[in-house]
C-alpha atoms as a PDB file:
ATOM      1  CA  MET A   1     -16.687   6.979  -5.049  1.00  0.00           C
ATOM      2  CA  SER A   2     -15.309   6.044  -1.700  1.00  0.00           C
ATOM      3  CA  VAL A   3     -12.526   7.492   0.647  1.00  0.00           C
ATOM      4  CA  ALA A   4     -10.661   4.820  -0.607  1.00  0.00           C
ATOM      5  CA  THR A   5     -10.597   4.728  -4.166  1.00  0.00           C
ATOM      6  CA  SER A   6     -10.539   8.576  -4.015  1.00  0.00           C
ATOM      7  CA  LEU A   7      -7.109   8.317  -2.582  1.00  0.00           C
ATOM      8  CA  LYS A   8      -5.990   5.636  -4.435  1.00  0.00           C
ATOM      9  CA  THR A   9      -7.000   8.002  -7.506  1.00  0.00           C
ATOM     10  CA  SER A  10      -4.765  10.659  -6.354  1.00  0.00           C
ATOM     11  CA  GLN A  11      -1.668   8.389  -5.480  1.00  0.00           C
ATOM     12  CA  TYR A  12      -2.060   7.290  -9.112  1.00  0.00           C
ATOM     13  CA  TYR A  13      -1.901  10.557 -10.475  1.00  0.00           C
ATOM     14  CA  ASP A  14       0.980  11.992  -8.181  1.00  0.00           C
ATOM     15  CA  TYR A  15       3.062   8.838  -8.858  1.00  0.00           C
ATOM     16  CA  TYR A  16       2.321   7.970 -12.777  1.00  0.00           C
ATOM     17  CA  ARG A  17       1.213  11.326 -14.582  1.00  0.00           C
ATOM     18  CA  ASP A  18       4.190  11.368 -16.504  1.00  0.00           C
ATOM     19  CA  LYS A  19       4.483   7.460 -17.232  1.00  0.00           C
ATOM     20  CA  GLU A  20       3.572   6.660 -21.013  1.00  0.00           C
ATOM     21  CA  VAL A  21       1.307   3.365 -22.021  1.00  0.00           C
ATOM     22  CA  ILE A  22       1.906   2.133 -25.154  1.00  0.00           C
ATOM     23  CA  PHE A  23      -1.234   0.760 -26.606  1.00  0.00           C
ATOM     24  CA  SER A  24       0.051  -2.432 -28.020  1.00  0.00           C
ATOM     25  CA  LYS A  25      -2.535  -5.307 -28.857  1.00  0.00           C
ATOM     26  CA  ALA A  26      -2.050  -7.332 -25.855  1.00  0.00           C
ATOM     27  CA  ASN A  27      -2.602  -3.608 -23.934  1.00  0.00           C
ATOM     28  CA  ILE A  28      -5.473  -3.065 -25.508  1.00  0.00           C
ATOM     29  CA  LYS A  29      -6.702  -6.157 -24.593  1.00  0.00           C
ATOM     30  CA  TYR A  30      -5.749  -6.033 -20.847  1.00  0.00           C
ATOM     31  CA  LEU A  31      -6.866  -2.838 -20.476  1.00  0.00           C
ATOM     32  CA  LYS A  32     -10.092  -3.339 -22.702  1.00  0.00           C
ATOM     33  CA  LEU A  33      -9.977  -0.310 -24.680  1.00  0.00           C
ATOM     34  CA  ASP A  34     -12.405  -0.207 -27.819  1.00  0.00           C
ATOM     35  CA  PRO A  35     -10.852   1.475 -30.467  1.00  0.00           C
ATOM     36  CA  ARG A  36     -13.743   1.855 -32.345  1.00  0.00           C
ATOM     37  CA  GLU A  37     -14.857   4.375 -30.066  1.00  0.00           C
ATOM     38  CA  ILE A  38     -11.629   6.591 -30.332  1.00  0.00           C
ATOM     39  CA  TYR A  39     -12.235  10.276 -32.183  1.00  0.00           C
ATOM     40  CA  ILE A  40     -11.304  13.571 -31.876  1.00  0.00           C
ATOM     41  CA  LYS A  41     -14.062  15.975 -31.800  1.00  0.00           C
ATOM     42  CA  CYS A  42     -13.079  19.839 -33.188  1.00  0.00           C
ATOM     43  CA  ASN A  43     -15.280  22.803 -34.793  1.00  0.00           C
ATOM     44  CA  GLY A  44     -18.103  21.134 -34.253  1.00  0.00           C
ATOM     45  CA  GLY A  45     -17.011  17.670 -36.479  1.00  0.00           C
ATOM     46  CA  HIS A  46     -15.248  14.413 -35.177  1.00  0.00           C
ATOM     47  CA  TRP A  47     -12.780  12.021 -36.670  1.00  0.00           C
ATOM     48  CA  PRO A  48     -12.101   8.811 -36.241  1.00  0.00           C
ATOM     49  CA  CYS A  49      -8.266   7.891 -34.845  1.00  0.00           C
ATOM     50  CA  ILE A  50      -5.743   5.623 -33.569  1.00  0.00           C
ATOM     51  CA  ILE A  51      -4.394   6.285 -30.080  1.00  0.00           C
ATOM     52  CA  ASN A  52      -0.833   5.309 -30.388  1.00  0.00           C
ATOM     53  CA  SER A  53      -0.212   5.804 -26.184  1.00  0.00           C
ATOM     54  CA  SER A  54      -1.122   7.818 -23.348  1.00  0.00           C
ATOM     55  CA  SER A  55      -0.095   8.978 -20.289  1.00  0.00           C
ATOM     56  CA  LEU A  56      -1.933  11.403 -17.538  1.00  0.00           C
ATOM     57  CA  GLN A  57      -1.119  14.347 -18.894  1.00  0.00           C
ATOM     58  CA  GLN A  58      -1.180  13.808 -22.846  1.00  0.00           C
ATOM     59  CA  ALA A  59      -1.660  11.324 -25.450  1.00  0.00           C
ATOM     60  CA  LYS A  60      -0.218  10.485 -28.946  1.00  0.00           C
ATOM     61  CA  ILE A  61      -2.922   9.966 -31.739  1.00  0.00           C
ATOM     62  CA  ILE A  62      -2.436   8.779 -35.418  1.00  0.00           C
ATOM     63  CA  ILE A  63      -4.612  10.388 -38.271  1.00  0.00           C
ATOM     64  CA  GLY A  64      -4.443   9.993 -42.168  1.00  0.00           C
ATOM     65  CA  THR A  65      -2.722  13.466 -43.651  1.00  0.00           C
ATOM     66  CA  SER A  66      -5.796  13.532 -46.032  1.00  0.00           C
ATOM     67  CA  CYS A  67      -8.080  13.464 -43.496  1.00  0.00           C
ATOM     68  CA  GLY A  68      -9.740  17.157 -43.117  1.00  0.00           C
ATOM     69  CA  ILE A  69      -8.915  17.937 -39.490  1.00  0.00           C
ATOM     70  CA  PHE A  70      -5.129  17.330 -40.368  1.00  0.00           C
ATOM     71  CA  GLU A  71      -5.010  20.727 -41.985  1.00  0.00           C
ATOM     72  CA  ILE A  72      -6.943  22.417 -39.239  1.00  0.00           C
ATOM     73  CA  LEU A  73      -4.160  21.125 -36.431  1.00  0.00           C
ATOM     74  CA  ARG A  74      -1.387  22.112 -38.795  1.00  0.00           C
ATOM     75  CA  LYS A  75      -2.485  25.328 -39.465  1.00  0.00           C
ATOM     76  CA  LYS A  76      -3.813  26.451 -35.747  1.00  0.00           C
ATOM     77  CA  LYS A  77      -2.293  24.095 -33.095  1.00  0.00           C
ATOM     78  CA  ASP A  78      -3.813  25.796 -30.379  1.00  0.00           C
ATOM     79  CA  VAL A  79      -7.485  25.181 -31.253  1.00  0.00           C
ATOM     80  CA  ASN A  80      -9.255  23.346 -28.840  1.00  0.00           C
ATOM     81  CA  ILE A  81      -9.734  19.662 -29.221  1.00  0.00           C
ATOM     82  CA  SER A  82     -11.339  17.051 -27.080  1.00  0.00           C
ATOM     83  CA  LEU A  83      -9.963  13.298 -27.433  1.00  0.00           C
ATOM     84  CA  ARG A  84     -12.782  10.540 -26.888  1.00  0.00           C
ATOM     85  CA  TYR A  85     -11.812   7.506 -24.911  1.00  0.00           C
ATOM     86  CA  GLY A  86     -13.842   4.381 -24.617  1.00  0.00           C
ATOM     87  CA  PHE A  87     -13.669   1.205 -22.577  1.00  0.00           C
ATOM     88  CA  TYR A  88     -15.931  -1.656 -21.815  1.00  0.00           C
ATOM     89  CA  GLU A  89     -16.280  -3.854 -18.669  1.00  0.00           C
ATOM     90  CA  GLN A  90     -17.974  -6.773 -18.838  1.00  0.00           C
ATOM     91  CA  ASN A  91     -20.540  -5.957 -21.659  1.00  0.00           C
ATOM     92  CA  GLU A  92     -20.856  -2.683 -20.211  1.00  0.00           C
ATOM     93  CA  LYS A  93     -19.200   0.394 -21.951  1.00  0.00           C
ATOM     94  CA  PHE A  94     -18.254   3.772 -21.111  1.00  0.00           C
ATOM     95  CA  GLN A  95     -16.462   6.727 -22.746  1.00  0.00           C
ATOM     96  CA  PHE A  96     -15.568  10.255 -21.561  1.00  0.00           C
ATOM     97  CA  PHE A  97     -14.348  13.360 -23.552  1.00  0.00           C
ATOM     98  CA  VAL A  98     -10.323  14.739 -22.375  1.00  0.00           C
ATOM     99  CA  THR A  99      -9.662  18.619 -23.625  1.00  0.00           C
ATOM    100  CA  CYS A 100      -6.561  19.183 -24.825  1.00  0.00           C
ATOM    101  CA  ASN A 101      -4.282  21.111 -27.560  1.00  0.00           C
ATOM    102  CA  VAL A 102      -1.628  20.261 -30.004  1.00  0.00           C
ATOM    103  CA  ILE A 103       1.570  20.414 -29.255  1.00  0.00           C
ATOM    104  CA  ASN A 104       3.766  18.231 -31.811  1.00  0.00           C
ATOM    105  CA  ILE A 105       2.792  16.978 -35.123  1.00  0.00           C
ATOM    106  CA  GLU A 106       5.177  14.688 -36.896  1.00  0.00           C
ATOM    107  CA  LYS A 107       5.261  11.838 -39.713  1.00  0.00           C
ATOM    108  CA  TYR A 108       4.457   8.199 -38.084  1.00  0.00           C
ATOM    109  CA  GLN A 109       7.299   5.632 -39.178  1.00  0.00           C
ATOM    110  CA  ASP A 110       8.123   8.093 -41.973  1.00  0.00           C
ATOM    111  CA  LYS A 111       5.180   7.576 -43.795  1.00  0.00           C
ATOM    112  CA  ALA A 112       3.770  10.853 -45.477  1.00  0.00           C
ATOM    113  CA  ASP A 113       0.011   9.547 -45.187  1.00  0.00           C
ATOM    114  CA  LEU A 114       0.322   9.236 -41.669  1.00  0.00           C
ATOM    115  CA  ALA A 115       0.826  11.729 -39.142  1.00  0.00           C
ATOM    116  CA  LEU A 116       2.120  11.341 -35.375  1.00  0.00           C
ATOM    117  CA  ILE A 117       0.169  14.054 -33.078  1.00  0.00           C
ATOM    118  CA  THR A 118       1.178  14.966 -29.819  1.00  0.00           C
ATOM    119  CA  LEU A 119      -1.949  16.110 -27.814  1.00  0.00           C
ATOM    120  CA  ALA A 120      -1.284  18.036 -24.125  1.00  0.00           C
ATOM    121  CA  PHE A 121      -4.088  17.389 -21.691  1.00  0.00           C
ATOM    122  CA  ASN A 122      -5.679  21.230 -20.380  1.00  0.00           C
ATOM    123  CA  GLN A 123      -6.606  19.794 -17.043  1.00  0.00           C
ATOM    124  CA  ARG A 124      -6.633  16.306 -15.261  1.00  0.00           C
ATOM    125  CA  PRO A 125      -8.349  13.922 -16.883  1.00  0.00           C
ATOM    126  CA  PRO A 126     -11.171  11.663 -15.158  1.00  0.00           C
ATOM    127  CA  ASP A 127     -10.850   9.372 -12.646  1.00  0.00           C
ATOM    128  CA  ASP A 128     -11.455   6.931 -14.720  1.00  0.00           C
ATOM    129  CA  LEU A 129      -8.861   7.109 -16.976  1.00  0.00           C
ATOM    130  CA  ILE A 130      -6.652   7.745 -13.842  1.00  0.00           C
ATOM    131  CA  LEU A 131      -7.670   4.646 -12.296  1.00  0.00           C
ATOM    132  CA  LYS A 132      -7.182   2.440 -15.562  1.00  0.00           C
ATOM    133  CA  LEU A 133      -3.615   3.654 -16.567  1.00  0.00           C
ATOM    134  CA  GLY A 134      -2.560   4.122 -13.106  1.00  0.00           C
ATOM    135  CA  GLU A 135      -2.817   0.452 -12.414  1.00  0.00           C
ATOM    136  CA  PHE A 136      -1.591  -0.685 -15.394  1.00  0.00           C
ATOM    137  CA  ILE A 137       1.376   1.274 -14.387  1.00  0.00           C
ATOM    138  CA  GLU A 138       1.454  -0.224 -11.172  1.00  0.00           C
ATOM    139  CA  VAL A 139       1.537  -3.269 -11.903  1.00  0.00           C
ATOM    140  CA  ASN A 140       4.442  -3.008 -14.689  1.00  0.00           C
ATOM    141  CA  GLU A 141       6.315  -0.936 -11.984  1.00  0.00           C
ATOM    142  CA  ASN A 142       6.248  -3.601  -9.402  1.00  0.00           C
ATOM    143  CA  PHE A 143       7.034  -6.111 -11.847  1.00  0.00           C
ATOM    144  CA  LYS A 144      10.187  -4.769 -12.004  1.00  0.00           C
ATOM    145  CA  PHE A 145      10.968  -3.822  -8.622  1.00  0.00           C
ATOM    146  CA  GLN A 146       9.646  -6.709  -6.841  1.00  0.00           C
ATOM    147  CA  ASN A 147      10.440  -9.363  -9.365  1.00  0.00           C
ATOM    148  CA  LYS A 148      12.024 -11.856  -6.789  1.00  0.00           C
ATOM    149  CA  GLN A 149       9.277 -11.457  -4.054  1.00  0.00           C
ATOM    150  CA  LYS A 150       8.160 -15.005  -3.713  1.00  0.00           C
ATOM    151  CA  ILE A 151       4.556 -15.955  -2.351  1.00  0.00           C
ATOM    152  CA  LEU A 152       4.624 -19.334  -0.586  1.00  0.00           C
ATOM    153  CA  ILE A 153       1.722 -21.026  -1.581  1.00  0.00           C
ATOM    154  CA  ASN A 154      -0.988 -22.437   0.931  1.00  0.00           C
ATOM    155  CA  GLN A 155      -4.623 -22.690   1.086  1.00  0.00           C
ATOM    156  CA  GLU A 156      -5.262 -18.780   1.972  1.00  0.00           C
ATOM    157  CA  ASN A 157      -2.849 -17.761  -0.553  1.00  0.00           C
ATOM    158  CA  LEU A 158      -4.419 -19.634  -3.615  1.00  0.00           C
ATOM    159  CA  ARG A 159      -7.731 -18.160  -2.382  1.00  0.00           C
ATOM    160  CA  LEU A 160      -5.984 -14.644  -2.355  1.00  0.00           C
ATOM    161  CA  LEU A 161      -4.189 -15.305  -5.585  1.00  0.00           C
ATOM    162  CA  SER A 162      -7.879 -17.001  -7.454  1.00  0.00           C
ATOM    163  CA  ILE A 163      -5.785 -19.984  -8.309  1.00  0.00           C
ATOM    164  CA  PRO A 164      -7.987 -22.845  -7.993  1.00  0.00           C
ATOM    165  CA  LYS A 165      -5.788 -25.791  -6.638  1.00  0.00           C
ATOM    166  CA  GLU A 166      -2.021 -26.018  -6.043  1.00  0.00           C
ATOM    167  CA  GLU A 167      -1.970 -28.870  -9.194  1.00  0.00           C
ATOM    168  CA  THR A 168      -1.454 -27.890 -12.301  1.00  0.00           C
ATOM    169  CA  TYR A 169       0.649 -28.857 -15.690  1.00  0.00           C
ATOM    170  CA  VAL A 170       4.203 -27.663 -16.970  1.00  0.00           C
ATOM    171  CA  TYR A 171       5.020 -28.566 -20.511  1.00  0.00           C
ATOM    172  CA  ILE A 172       9.117 -29.272 -20.291  1.00  0.00           C
ATOM    173  CA  GLN A 173       9.921 -29.424 -24.242  1.00  0.00           C
ATOM    174  CA  SER A 174       6.090 -29.815 -25.158  1.00  0.00           C
ATOM    175  CA  VAL A 175       5.530 -33.030 -22.717  1.00  0.00           C
ATOM    176  CA  PRO A 176       2.666 -32.406 -20.299  1.00  0.00           C
ATOM    177  CA  ARG A 177       4.001 -33.224 -16.612  1.00  0.00           C
ATOM    178  CA  LYS A 178       1.696 -33.231 -13.400  1.00  0.00           C
ATOM    179  CA  CYS A 179       2.789 -30.542 -10.850  1.00  0.00           C
ATOM    180  CA  ILE A 180       2.408 -29.127  -7.587  1.00  0.00           C
ATOM    181  CA  LEU A 181       3.240 -25.382  -7.112  1.00  0.00           C
ATOM    182  CA  LYS A 182       5.760 -24.610  -4.368  1.00  0.00           C
ATOM    183  CA  ASP A 183       6.126 -20.919  -4.323  1.00  0.00           C
ATOM    184  CA  ILE A 184       5.317 -18.025  -7.204  1.00  0.00           C
ATOM    185  CA  SER A 185       6.458 -14.804  -7.566  1.00  0.00           C
ATOM    186  CA  PHE A 186       6.269 -12.017 -10.816  1.00  0.00           C
ATOM    187  CA  GLY A 187       9.594 -13.460 -12.099  1.00  0.00           C
ATOM    188  CA  GLY A 188       9.442 -17.126 -11.886  1.00  0.00           C
ATOM    189  CA  VAL A 189       7.555 -20.125  -9.635  1.00  0.00           C
ATOM    190  CA  THR A 190       9.111 -22.994  -8.043  1.00  0.00           C
ATOM    191  CA  LEU A 191       7.651 -26.674  -8.455  1.00  0.00           C
ATOM    192  CA  LEU A 192       7.684 -30.150  -7.029  1.00  0.00           C
ATOM    193  CA  LEU A 193       7.555 -32.806 -10.061  1.00  0.00           C
ATOM    194  CA  VAL A 194       8.674 -36.668 -10.674  1.00  0.00           C
ATOM    195  CA  GLY A 195      11.732 -36.436 -12.220  1.00  0.00           C
ATOM    196  CA  ILE A 196      15.633 -36.266 -12.048  1.00  0.00           C
ATOM    197  CA  PRO A 197      17.128 -33.035 -11.833  1.00  0.00           C
ATOM    198  CA  LYS A 198      20.422 -33.291 -14.245  1.00  0.00           C
ATOM    199  CA  PHE A 199      17.474 -34.074 -16.946  1.00  0.00           C
ATOM    200  CA  LEU A 200      15.447 -31.261 -15.712  1.00  0.00           C
ATOM    201  CA  GLU A 201      17.983 -28.138 -15.737  1.00  0.00           C
ATOM    202  CA  LYS A 202      17.862 -25.606 -18.199  1.00  0.00           C
ATOM    203  CA  LYS A 203      15.156 -27.184 -20.182  1.00  0.00           C
ATOM    204  CA  GLU A 204      12.720 -24.878 -21.901  1.00  0.00           C
ATOM    205  CA  VAL A 205       9.195 -24.940 -19.872  1.00  0.00           C
ATOM    206  CA  GLU A 206       5.713 -23.637 -19.994  1.00  0.00           C
ATOM    207  CA  LEU A 207       3.562 -23.564 -17.101  1.00  0.00           C
ATOM    208  CA  ARG A 208      -0.124 -23.074 -17.135  1.00  0.00           C
ATOM    209  CA  LEU A 209      -2.242 -21.462 -14.683  1.00  0.00           C
ATOM    210  CA  LEU A 210      -6.141 -21.055 -14.192  1.00  0.00           C
ATOM    211  CA  PHE A 211      -7.361 -18.075 -12.534  1.00  0.00           C
ATOM    212  CA  SER A 212     -10.899 -18.714 -11.053  1.00  0.00           C
ATOM    213  CA  ASP A 213     -11.739 -14.851 -11.176  1.00  0.00           C
ATOM    214  CA  SER A 214     -11.463 -14.770 -14.735  1.00  0.00           C
ATOM    215  CA  ASN A 215     -11.727 -18.077 -15.758  1.00  0.00           C
ATOM    216  CA  GLU A 216      -8.625 -17.291 -17.856  1.00  0.00           C
ATOM    217  CA  GLN A 217      -5.671 -19.989 -18.411  1.00  0.00           C
ATOM    218  CA  VAL A 218      -2.349 -18.535 -18.758  1.00  0.00           C
ATOM    219  CA  ALA A 219       0.633 -19.630 -20.360  1.00  0.00           C
ATOM    220  CA  LEU A 220       4.137 -18.913 -18.570  1.00  0.00           C
ATOM    221  CA  LYS A 221       7.161 -19.539 -20.801  1.00  0.00           C
ATOM    222  CA  GLY A 222      10.436 -19.951 -19.071  1.00  0.00           C
ATOM    223  CA  ILE A 223      13.610 -22.211 -18.539  1.00  0.00           C
ATOM    224  CA  ILE A 224      14.438 -24.102 -15.257  1.00  0.00           C
ATOM    225  CA  GLU A 225      17.488 -22.428 -13.581  1.00  0.00           C
ATOM    226  CA  ASN A 226      17.784 -24.921 -10.906  1.00  0.00           C
ATOM    227  CA  ALA A 227      16.737 -28.937 -10.014  1.00  0.00           C
ATOM    228  CA  GLU A 228      17.862 -30.891  -6.895  1.00  0.00           C
ATOM    229  CA  PHE A 229      15.867 -33.645  -5.202  1.00  0.00           C
ATOM    230  CA  MET A 230      13.452 -33.152  -2.580  1.00  0.00           C
ATOM    231  CA  PRO A 231      14.873 -34.185   0.794  1.00  0.00           C
ATOM    232  CA  GLY A 232      14.082 -37.782   1.408  1.00  0.00           C
ATOM    233  CA  ARG A 233      13.036 -38.727  -1.861  1.00  0.00           C
ATOM    234  CA  LYS A 234      15.007 -40.068  -5.252  1.00  0.00           C
ATOM    235  CA  ASP A 235      11.972 -39.645  -7.278  1.00  0.00           C
ATOM    236  CA  ILE A 236      11.271 -35.921  -6.791  1.00  0.00           C
ATOM    237  CA  SER A 237      12.737 -32.979  -7.800  1.00  0.00           C
ATOM    238  CA  ILE A 238      12.280 -29.278  -6.748  1.00  0.00           C
ATOM    239  CA  VAL A 239      12.170 -27.026  -9.799  1.00  0.00           C
ATOM    240  CA  GLU A 240      12.969 -23.498 -10.228  1.00  0.00           C
ATOM    241  CA  ILE A 241      11.852 -21.768 -13.070  1.00  0.00           C
ATOM    242  CA  VAL A 242      12.591 -18.284 -14.269  1.00  0.00           C
ATOM    243  CA  TYR A 243      10.174 -16.678 -16.836  1.00  0.00           C
ATOM    244  CA  ILE A 244      10.951 -14.985 -19.939  1.00  0.00           C
ATOM    245  CA  GLN A 245      10.496 -11.781 -18.795  1.00  0.00           C
ATOM    246  CA  GLU A 246       9.063  -9.837 -22.145  1.00  0.00           C
ATOM    247  CA  GLN A 247       6.369 -12.786 -22.320  1.00  0.00           C
ATOM    248  CA  VAL A 248       4.370 -12.745 -18.788  1.00  0.00           C
ATOM    249  CA  PRO A 249       0.942 -12.357 -19.345  1.00  0.00           C
ATOM    250  CA  MET A 250      -0.502  -9.275 -17.934  1.00  0.00           C
ATOM    251  CA  ASN A 251      -3.168 -10.958 -16.122  1.00  0.00           C
ATOM    252  CA  TYR A 252      -0.746 -13.120 -14.338  1.00  0.00           C
ATOM    253  CA  LYS A 253       1.033  -9.890 -13.564  1.00  0.00           C
ATOM    254  CA  PHE A 254      -2.483  -8.344 -11.975  1.00  0.00           C
ATOM    255  CA  HIS A 255      -2.851 -11.033  -9.587  1.00  0.00           C
ATOM    256  CA  ILE A 256       0.697 -11.360  -8.272  1.00  0.00           C
ATOM    257  CA  ASN A 257       0.289  -7.037  -7.582  1.00  0.00           C
ATOM    258  CA  SER A 258      -3.140  -7.732  -6.272  1.00  0.00           C
ATOM    259  CA  TYR A 259      -1.690 -10.113  -3.388  1.00  0.00           C
ATOM    260  CA  LEU A 260       1.468  -8.230  -2.976  1.00  0.00           C
ATOM    261  CA  THR A 261      -0.430  -4.634  -2.585  1.00  0.00           C
ATOM    262  CA  SER A 262      -3.107  -6.037  -0.673  1.00  0.00           C
ATOM    263  CA  SER A 263      -0.490  -7.130   1.645  1.00  0.00           C
ATOM    264  CA  SER A 264       1.633  -4.571   2.002  1.00  0.00           C
ATOM    265  CA  ASN A 265      -1.653  -2.537   2.510  1.00  0.00           C
ATOM    266  CA  LYS A 266      -2.337  -5.042   5.574  1.00  0.00           C
ATOM    267  CA  ARG A 267       0.833  -4.959   6.840  1.00  0.00           C
ATOM    268  CA  ILE A 268       0.827  -0.984   6.805  1.00  0.00           C
ATOM    269  CA  GLN A 269      -2.553  -0.937   8.583  1.00  0.00           C
ATOM    270  CA  LYS A 270      -1.056  -3.348  11.276  1.00  0.00           C
ATOM    271  CA  GLN A 271       2.006  -1.268  12.044  1.00  0.00           C
ATOM    272  CA  ASN A 272      -0.269   1.776  12.566  1.00  0.00           C
ATOM    273  CA  GLU A 273      -2.504  -0.086  14.960  1.00  0.00           C
ATOM    274  CA  ASN A 274       0.291  -0.994  16.886  1.00  0.00           C
ATOM    275  CA  LYS A 275       1.687   2.396  16.705  1.00  0.00           C
ATOM    276  CA  ASN A 276      -1.543   3.753  17.931  1.00  0.00           C
ATOM    277  CA  SER A 277      -1.798   1.281  20.747  1.00  0.00           C
ATOM    278  CA  GLN A 278       1.763   2.167  22.021  1.00  0.00           C
ATOM    279  CA  GLU A 279       0.767   5.902  21.676  1.00  0.00           C
ATOM    280  CA  SER A 280      -2.244   4.957  23.538  1.00  0.00           C
ATOM    281  CA  ASN A 281      -0.406   2.961  26.489  1.00  0.00           C
ATOM    282  CA  SER A 282       2.108   5.597  26.634  1.00  0.00           C
ATOM    283  CA  SER A 283      -0.362   8.003  27.287  1.00  0.00           C
ATOM    284  CA  ILE A 284      -2.231   5.872  29.840  1.00  0.00           C
ATOM    285  CA  PHE A 285       1.254   5.578  31.520  1.00  0.00           C
ATOM    286  CA  ASP A 286       1.886   9.090  31.480  1.00  0.00           C
ATOM    287  CA  GLY A 287      -1.559   9.833  33.179  1.00  0.00           C
ATOM    288  CA  ILE A 288      -0.277   7.482  35.874  1.00  0.00           C
ATOM    289  CA  ASN A 289       3.227   9.045  36.119  1.00  0.00           C
ATOM    290  CA  LYS A 290       1.451  11.935  36.302  1.00  0.00           C
ATOM    291  CA  LYS A 291      -1.035  10.856  39.346  1.00  0.00           C
ATOM    292  CA  ASP A 292       2.037   9.337  40.737  1.00  0.00           C
ATOM    293  CA  GLY A 293       3.415  12.804  40.651  1.00  0.00           C
ATOM    294  CA  ILE A 294       0.442  14.456  42.454  1.00  0.00           C
ATOM    295  CA  VAL A 295       0.312  11.801  44.930  1.00  0.00           C
ATOM    296  CA  LYS A 296       4.328  11.798  45.761  1.00  0.00           C
ATOM    297  CA  LYS A 297       4.226  15.896  45.833  1.00  0.00           C
ATOM    298  CA  THR A 298       1.000  15.709  48.213  1.00  0.00           C
ATOM    299  CA  THR A 299       2.747  13.347  50.381  1.00  0.00           C
ATOM    300  CA  GLU A 300       5.576  15.602  50.677  1.00  0.00           C
ATOM    301  CA  VAL A 301       3.439  18.636  51.804  1.00  0.00           C
ATOM    302  CA  ALA A 302       1.691  16.586  54.199  1.00  0.00           C
ATOM    303  CA  GLU A 303       4.505  15.272  55.864  1.00  0.00           C
ATOM    304  CA  ASN A 304       5.988  19.102  55.933  1.00  0.00           C
ATOM    305  CA  ILE A 305       2.745  19.939  57.379  1.00  0.00           C
ATOM    306  CA  ALA A 306       2.714  16.973  59.844  1.00  0.00           C
ATOM    307  CA  GLU A 307       6.076  17.769  60.729  1.00  0.00           C
ATOM    308  CA  LYS A 308       5.680  21.585  61.435  1.00  0.00           C
ATOM    309  CA  VAL A 309       2.571  20.792  63.611  1.00  0.00           C
ATOM    310  CA  SER A 310       4.574  18.313  65.816  1.00  0.00           C
ATOM    311  CA  GLU A 311       7.257  21.182  66.345  1.00  0.00           C
ATOM    312  CA  LYS A 312       4.281  23.630  67.684  1.00  0.00           C
ATOM    313  CA  VAL A 313       2.552  20.908  69.606  1.00  0.00           C
ATOM    314  CA  GLU A 314       6.149  19.938  71.256  1.00  0.00           C
ATOM    315  CA  LYS A 315       6.689  23.734  72.047  1.00  0.00           C
ATOM    316  CA  VAL A 316       3.185  23.977  73.166  1.00  0.00           C
ATOM    317  CA  SER A 317       3.753  21.082  75.495  1.00  0.00           C
ATOM    318  CA  GLU A 318       6.865  22.354  76.962  1.00  0.00           C
ATOM    319  CA  ILE A 319       4.892  25.933  77.886  1.00  0.00           C
ATOM    320  CA  VAL A 320       2.087  24.163  79.477  1.00  0.00           C
ATOM    321  CA  ASN A 321       4.577  21.971  81.268  1.00  0.00           C
ATOM    322  CA  LYS A 322       6.305  24.739  82.685  1.00  0.00           C
ATOM    323  CA  LYS A 323       3.225  26.440  83.853  1.00  0.00           C
ATOM    324  CA  ILE A 324       1.913  23.333  85.613  1.00  0.00           C
ATOM    325  CA  GLU A 325       5.341  23.103  87.373  1.00  0.00           C
ATOM    326  CA  LYS A 326       5.044  26.578  88.411  1.00  0.00           C
ATOM    327  CA  VAL A 327       1.641  26.307  89.919  1.00  0.00           C
ATOM    328  CA  TYR A 328       2.624  22.817  91.194  1.00  0.00           C
ATOM    329  CA  GLU A 329       5.786  24.782  93.072  1.00  0.00           C
ATOM    330  CA  LYS A 330       2.966  27.740  94.125  1.00  0.00           C
ATOM    331  CA  VAL A 331       0.501  25.180  95.808  1.00  0.00           C
ATOM    332  CA  LYS A 332       3.486  23.301  97.458  1.00  0.00           C
ATOM    333  CA  GLU A 333       4.574  26.896  99.037  1.00  0.00           C
ATOM    334  CA  ILE A 334       1.068  27.656 100.064  1.00  0.00           C
ATOM    335  CA  LYS A 335       0.347  24.351 102.031  1.00  0.00           C
ATOM    336  CA  THR A 336       3.992  24.871 103.332  1.00  0.00           C
ATOM    337  CA  GLU A 337       2.982  28.371 104.896  1.00  0.00           C
ATOM    338  CA  LYS A 338      -0.062  26.943 106.202  1.00  0.00           C
ATOM    339  CA  ASP A 339       1.517  24.002 107.742  1.00  0.00           C
ATOM    340  CA  ASN A 340       4.005  26.536 109.540  1.00  0.00           C
ATOM    341  CA  LYS A 341       1.074  28.978 110.897  1.00  0.00           C
ATOM    342  CA  LYS A 342      -0.244  25.596 112.513  1.00  0.00           C
ATOM    343  CA  THR A 343       2.803  24.784 114.027  1.00  0.00           C
ATOM    344  CA  GLU A 344       3.429  28.539 115.547  1.00  0.00           C
ATOM    345  CA  GLU A 345      -0.074  28.522 116.692  1.00  0.00           C
ATOM    346  CA  LYS A 346       0.423  24.986 118.813  1.00  0.00           C
END
């Protein structure tokens, strides 16, 4: 497992460990859960069960009360159990066990022949389960909290979203109309299409989108909340559609989430790079300032030394000058004496 995947797994477990995922038909399909591979193992035997829901800390399963394992679990809740999960990816299957114990037994929807059993995991589950459920929970969390964050449609963003082209079809009251994507979000879409705004507003629509990576077409049902003429045109309208939130397909949510998460990671990486660059520049400037300080201090010391040397030179110069004057006076006296002596002899 790569470092990035390991970090992601840890984040999922820390953030979402207590979030429960209900295994509805739509969720089973999206998660690629194989119900035929789900069973519990206990006391050397194994019994098939239906997994009702799961978090990263516990799971709820449904079994028949006439099943042999039911009496064992009812009488001895502290017995060790292994719950097997089974998933598939592109014709490949993978399964794993999670050790757990019973913490609650109750009737399932007041049916006497079915029991809902809550199992608590004895340890952190395998990374495969954390990645599967963690990503699913992350998508739905972002769907709630980033519902209106718009993605501008251009060639680069179409590629990142795995949407082949900006042209598609929207069905307005079951009538197909060609349209062009302008922007897109978890909660809605903005389109350009031929039509008059007042005849489009509040109409029920269904947008068809094809995702090239999975080769799957999704249908997004919604209502036209707002429509207005495109500036400078009286035949083309800008149409804002709000999806029916409960009917937004998981595959659509996944692609929007993948784009927003990737963009967020790139933005954080860029901020970190800028921060590191600033710190590096700061270190360089600190070094320069430090060197400037040393140079300045050295200059001051040199100036002080030069000043002291100059003072000493001046003093020495005065002493030498005085001695020279004395010698000069002495020589002058000697010369005067000689001249006087010659005069006397004459």
